[in-house]
Amino acid sequence: MSSNSTSNQKQQLGTLNKYRGILLAVTLFLVFNLAVLGLNFYTSSTLDSDAVSINLSGRQRMLSQRTAKVLLSIQVDAAQEYRRAQKSKHPI
């Protein structure tokens, strides 16, 4: 009976050794896959916060350009009004 038991144990060890490489490969694949998934979630959350900052800076840039345009328009209108006033005082 002990030789039968020893033979059975050797067969189980042989089967375990046979699939050890496959089991290791599958385990490493799963570990790396989970690591990449975690990295993707982290990157996604970082990009979301960056997107808010980029949108805010874009809005501020647009408002500063609009302010500059209005100020330039006021300056041009004032210069044109000044020229009209000068022409009316001194007609050529």
Protein backbone atom coordinates (compact mmCIF):
# COMPACT_ATOMS: atom_id res chain seq x y z
CA MET A 1 0.00 0.00 0.00
CA SER A 2 2.88 2.37 0.75
CA SER A 3 4.34 1.89 -2.73
CA ASN A 4 0.93 2.71 -4.21
CA SER A 5 0.72 5.81 -2.02
CA THR A 6 4.25 6.86 -2.96
CA SER A 7 3.46 6.34 -6.63
CA ASN A 8 0.32 8.47 -6.29
CA GLN A 9 2.29 11.27 -4.58
CA LYS A 10 4.95 11.19 -7.30
CA GLN A 11 2.23 11.43 -9.92
CA GLN A 12 0.67 14.44 -8.17
CA LEU A 13 4.08 16.13 -7.89
CA GLY A 14 4.72 15.42 -11.56
CA THR A 15 1.38 16.98 -12.49
CA LEU A 16 2.10 19.99 -10.25
CA ASN A 17 5.54 20.46 -11.81
CA LYS A 18 4.01 20.11 -15.26
CA TYR A 19 1.58 23.01 -14.69
CA ARG A 20 3.86 25.15 -12.46
CA GLY A 21 5.06 27.30 -15.38
CA ILE A 22 1.54 27.87 -16.68
CA LEU A 23 0.26 28.68 -13.19
CA LEU A 24 3.13 31.14 -12.65
CA ALA A 25 2.49 32.80 -16.02
CA VAL A 26 -1.24 33.18 -15.34
CA THR A 27 -0.56 34.54 -11.84
CA LEU A 28 1.95 37.09 -13.13
CA PHE A 29 -0.45 38.11 -15.90
CA LEU A 30 -3.22 38.72 -13.38
CA VAL A 31 -0.94 40.70 -11.05
CA PHE A 32 0.36 42.90 -13.87
CA ASN A 33 -3.14 43.30 -15.27
CA LEU A 34 -4.43 44.52 -11.90
CA ALA A 35 -1.45 46.87 -11.57
CA VAL A 36 -2.19 48.40 -14.98
CA LEU A 37 -5.87 48.73 -14.09
CA GLY A 38 -4.95 50.59 -10.89
CA LEU A 39 -2.59 52.83 -12.84
CA ASN A 40 -5.36 53.61 -15.34
CA PHE A 41 -7.75 54.61 -12.56
CA TYR A 42 -5.09 56.83 -10.99
CA THR A 43 -4.27 58.47 -14.33
CA SER A 44 -7.95 59.01 -15.08
CA SER A 45 -8.55 60.76 -11.75
CA THR A 46 -5.46 62.93 -12.30
CA LEU A 47 -6.65 63.90 -15.77
CA ASP A 48 -10.06 64.87 -14.41
CA SER A 49 -8.52 67.33 -11.97
CA ASP A 50 -6.19 68.64 -14.71
CA ALA A 51 -9.17 69.13 -17.02
CA VAL A 52 -10.85 71.38 -14.45
CA SER A 53 -7.69 73.49 -14.16
CA ILE A 54 -7.32 73.73 -17.94
CA ASN A 55 -10.95 74.77 -18.38
CA LEU A 56 -10.60 77.41 -15.68
CA SER A 57 -7.43 78.86 -17.23
CA GLY A 58 -9.11 78.87 -20.66
CA ARG A 59 -12.07 80.76 -19.25
CA GLN A 60 -9.76 83.31 -17.59
CA ARG A 61 -7.83 83.76 -20.86
CA MET A 62 -11.09 84.33 -22.76
CA LEU A 63 -12.25 86.91 -20.22
CA SER A 64 -8.93 88.76 -20.31
CA GLN A 65 -9.07 88.87 -24.12
CA ARG A 66 -12.64 90.14 -24.00
CA THR A 67 -11.61 92.84 -21.50
CA ALA A 68 -8.67 93.89 -23.67
CA LYS A 69 -10.94 94.06 -26.73
CA VAL A 70 -13.46 96.26 -24.93
CA LEU A 71 -10.73 98.57 -23.62
CA LEU A 72 -9.19 98.85 -27.10
CA SER A 73 -12.61 99.59 -28.57
CA ILE A 74 -13.17 102.34 -26.00
CA GLN A 75 -9.75 103.81 -26.79
CA VAL A 76 -10.42 103.75 -30.56
CA ASP A 77 -13.84 105.36 -30.09
CA ALA A 78 -12.34 108.06 -27.88
CA ALA A 79 -9.62 108.78 -30.47
CA GLN A 80 -12.20 109.01 -33.25
CA GLU A 81 -14.35 111.33 -31.16
CA TYR A 82 -11.33 113.50 -30.43
CA ARG A 83 -10.51 113.73 -34.16
CA ARG A 84 -14.10 114.71 -34.95
CA ALA A 85 -14.01 117.40 -32.29
CA GLN A 86 -10.73 118.73 -33.70
CA LYS A 87 -12.16 118.81 -37.26
CA SER A 88 -15.24 120.67 -36.13
CA LYS A 89 -13.10 123.31 -34.40
CA HIS A 90 -10.72 123.72 -37.32
CA PRO A 91 -12.46 122.93 -40.60
CA ILE A 92 -10.07 122.62 -43.51
